[in-house]
Amino acid sequence: MFSKKVKKGYVLYQNENGPEIGTSKDRVIIQDGCVFKDLAGTGELLPYEDWRLGYEERAKDLAARLPVEMIAGLMLYSPL
């Protein structure tokens, strides 16, 4: 379960056993009694949007969805 607090210009969702989700748009997914940001705007929970998964699994899923041009741009921006 979760609680919802409407603030001026944004909404905060506090998941009972998870993180607080803040969004300025009403683009959230409610699944299994938890709230997730709908970052892709698809209306379905994608693995990289699911905070219950490990960071490696989420990162791999997101990287698999990025076009080569965006990956190249991120590599140029990286301080490494």
C-alpha atoms as a PDB file:
ATOM      1  CA  MET A   1       0.000   0.000   0.000  1.00  0.00           C
ATOM      2  CA  PHE A   2       0.970   3.630  -0.302  1.00  0.00           C
ATOM      3  CA  SER A   3      -0.070   7.109   0.740  1.00  0.00           C
ATOM      4  CA  LYS A   4      -0.460  10.110  -1.552  1.00  0.00           C
ATOM      5  CA  LYS A   5       0.264  13.753  -0.689  1.00  0.00           C
ATOM      6  CA  VAL A   6      -0.668  16.457  -3.183  1.00  0.00           C
ATOM      7  CA  LYS A   7       1.684  19.429  -2.964  1.00  0.00           C
ATOM      8  CA  LYS A   8       1.778  22.650  -4.956  1.00  0.00           C
ATOM      9  CA  GLY A   9       2.953  21.571  -8.406  1.00  0.00           C
ATOM     10  CA  TYR A  10       3.814  17.950  -7.567  1.00  0.00           C
ATOM     11  CA  VAL A  11       2.610  14.769  -5.879  1.00  0.00           C
ATOM     12  CA  LEU A  12       4.456  12.577  -3.352  1.00  0.00           C
ATOM     13  CA  TYR A  13       3.697   8.865  -3.044  1.00  0.00           C
ATOM     14  CA  GLN A  14       5.100   7.038  -0.003  1.00  0.00           C
ATOM     15  CA  ASN A  15       5.329   3.296  -0.605  1.00  0.00           C
ATOM     16  CA  GLU A  16       4.788   1.276   2.571  1.00  0.00           C
ATOM     17  CA  ASN A  17       7.928  -0.842   2.142  1.00  0.00           C
ATOM     18  CA  GLY A  18       9.736   1.160  -0.507  1.00  0.00           C
ATOM     19  CA  PRO A  19      10.909   4.575  -1.611  1.00  0.00           C
ATOM     20  CA  GLU A  20       9.025   7.839  -1.747  1.00  0.00           C
ATOM     21  CA  ILE A  21       8.146   8.712  -5.346  1.00  0.00           C
ATOM     22  CA  GLY A  22       7.762  12.356  -6.345  1.00  0.00           C
ATOM     23  CA  THR A  23       6.377  13.448  -9.689  1.00  0.00           C
ATOM     24  CA  SER A  24       5.264  16.711 -11.231  1.00  0.00           C
ATOM     25  CA  LYS A  25       3.094  14.855 -13.722  1.00  0.00           C
ATOM     26  CA  ASP A  26       0.519  12.175 -13.021  1.00  0.00           C
ATOM     27  CA  ARG A  27       2.599   9.547 -14.825  1.00  0.00           C
ATOM     28  CA  VAL A  28       2.704   6.753 -12.311  1.00  0.00           C
ATOM     29  CA  ILE A  29       2.001   3.048 -12.435  1.00  0.00           C
ATOM     30  CA  ILE A  30       0.279   1.332  -9.535  1.00  0.00           C
ATOM     31  CA  GLN A  31       1.102  -2.359  -9.404  1.00  0.00           C
ATOM     32  CA  ASP A  32       0.962  -4.849  -6.536  1.00  0.00           C
ATOM     33  CA  GLY A  33      -0.069  -2.024  -4.183  1.00  0.00           C
ATOM     34  CA  CYS A  34       3.100  -0.015  -4.959  1.00  0.00           C
ATOM     35  CA  VAL A  35       3.712   3.172  -6.946  1.00  0.00           C
ATOM     36  CA  PHE A  36       6.329   3.506  -9.697  1.00  0.00           C
ATOM     37  CA  LYS A  37       7.247   6.380 -12.024  1.00  0.00           C
ATOM     38  CA  ASP A  38       6.165   5.739 -15.610  1.00  0.00           C
ATOM     39  CA  LEU A  39       9.430   7.082 -17.040  1.00  0.00           C
ATOM     40  CA  ALA A  40       8.822   5.669 -20.521  1.00  0.00           C
ATOM     41  CA  GLY A  41       5.183   6.793 -20.612  1.00  0.00           C
ATOM     42  CA  THR A  42       4.052   3.323 -21.698  1.00  0.00           C
ATOM     43  CA  GLY A  43       1.515   2.686 -18.957  1.00  0.00           C
ATOM     44  CA  GLU A  44       3.204  -0.631 -18.157  1.00  0.00           C
ATOM     45  CA  LEU A  45       5.927  -1.290 -15.603  1.00  0.00           C
ATOM     46  CA  LEU A  46       9.247  -1.861 -17.354  1.00  0.00           C
ATOM     47  CA  PRO A  47      12.125  -3.549 -15.492  1.00  0.00           C
ATOM     48  CA  TYR A  48      14.237  -0.369 -15.286  1.00  0.00           C
ATOM     49  CA  GLU A  49      11.304   1.467 -13.656  1.00  0.00           C
ATOM     50  CA  ASP A  50      10.837  -1.216 -10.971  1.00  0.00           C
ATOM     51  CA  TRP A  51      12.676  -0.116  -7.811  1.00  0.00           C
ATOM     52  CA  ARG A  52      12.152  -3.585  -6.308  1.00  0.00           C
ATOM     53  CA  LEU A  53      14.739  -5.032  -8.712  1.00  0.00           C
ATOM     54  CA  GLY A  54      18.490  -4.761  -8.222  1.00  0.00           C
ATOM     55  CA  TYR A  55      20.363  -1.847  -9.767  1.00  0.00           C
ATOM     56  CA  GLU A  56      22.341  -4.112 -12.136  1.00  0.00           C
ATOM     57  CA  GLU A  57      19.199  -5.675 -13.601  1.00  0.00           C
ATOM     58  CA  ARG A  58      17.585  -2.244 -13.967  1.00  0.00           C
ATOM     59  CA  ALA A  59      20.687  -0.756 -15.605  1.00  0.00           C
ATOM     60  CA  LYS A  60      20.994  -3.647 -18.072  1.00  0.00           C
ATOM     61  CA  ASP A  61      17.350  -3.291 -19.065  1.00  0.00           C
ATOM     62  CA  LEU A  62      17.677   0.461 -19.604  1.00  0.00           C
ATOM     63  CA  ALA A  63      20.925   0.088 -21.574  1.00  0.00           C
ATOM     64  CA  ALA A  64      19.271  -2.484 -23.846  1.00  0.00           C
ATOM     65  CA  ARG A  65      16.550   0.058 -24.676  1.00  0.00           C
ATOM     66  CA  LEU A  66      18.859   2.991 -25.493  1.00  0.00           C
ATOM     67  CA  PRO A  67      19.726   3.744 -29.121  1.00  0.00           C
ATOM     68  CA  VAL A  68      23.421   3.606 -30.056  1.00  0.00           C
ATOM     69  CA  GLU A  69      23.520   7.392 -30.536  1.00  0.00           C
ATOM     70  CA  MET A  70      22.420   8.007 -26.968  1.00  0.00           C
ATOM     71  CA  ILE A  71      24.910   5.500 -25.570  1.00  0.00           C
ATOM     72  CA  ALA A  72      27.713   7.181 -27.544  1.00  0.00           C
ATOM     73  CA  GLY A  73      26.651  10.566 -26.168  1.00  0.00           C
ATOM     74  CA  LEU A  74      26.705   9.243 -22.615  1.00  0.00           C
ATOM     75  CA  MET A  75      30.182   7.793 -23.140  1.00  0.00           C
ATOM     76  CA  LEU A  76      31.459  11.180 -24.311  1.00  0.00           C
ATOM     77  CA  TYR A  77      29.910  12.865 -21.277  1.00  0.00           C
ATOM     78  CA  SER A  78      31.306  10.361 -18.771  1.00  0.00           C
ATOM     79  CA  PRO A  79      34.102  11.696 -16.524  1.00  0.00           C
ATOM     80  CA  LEU A  80      35.915   8.325 -16.705  1.00  0.00           C
END
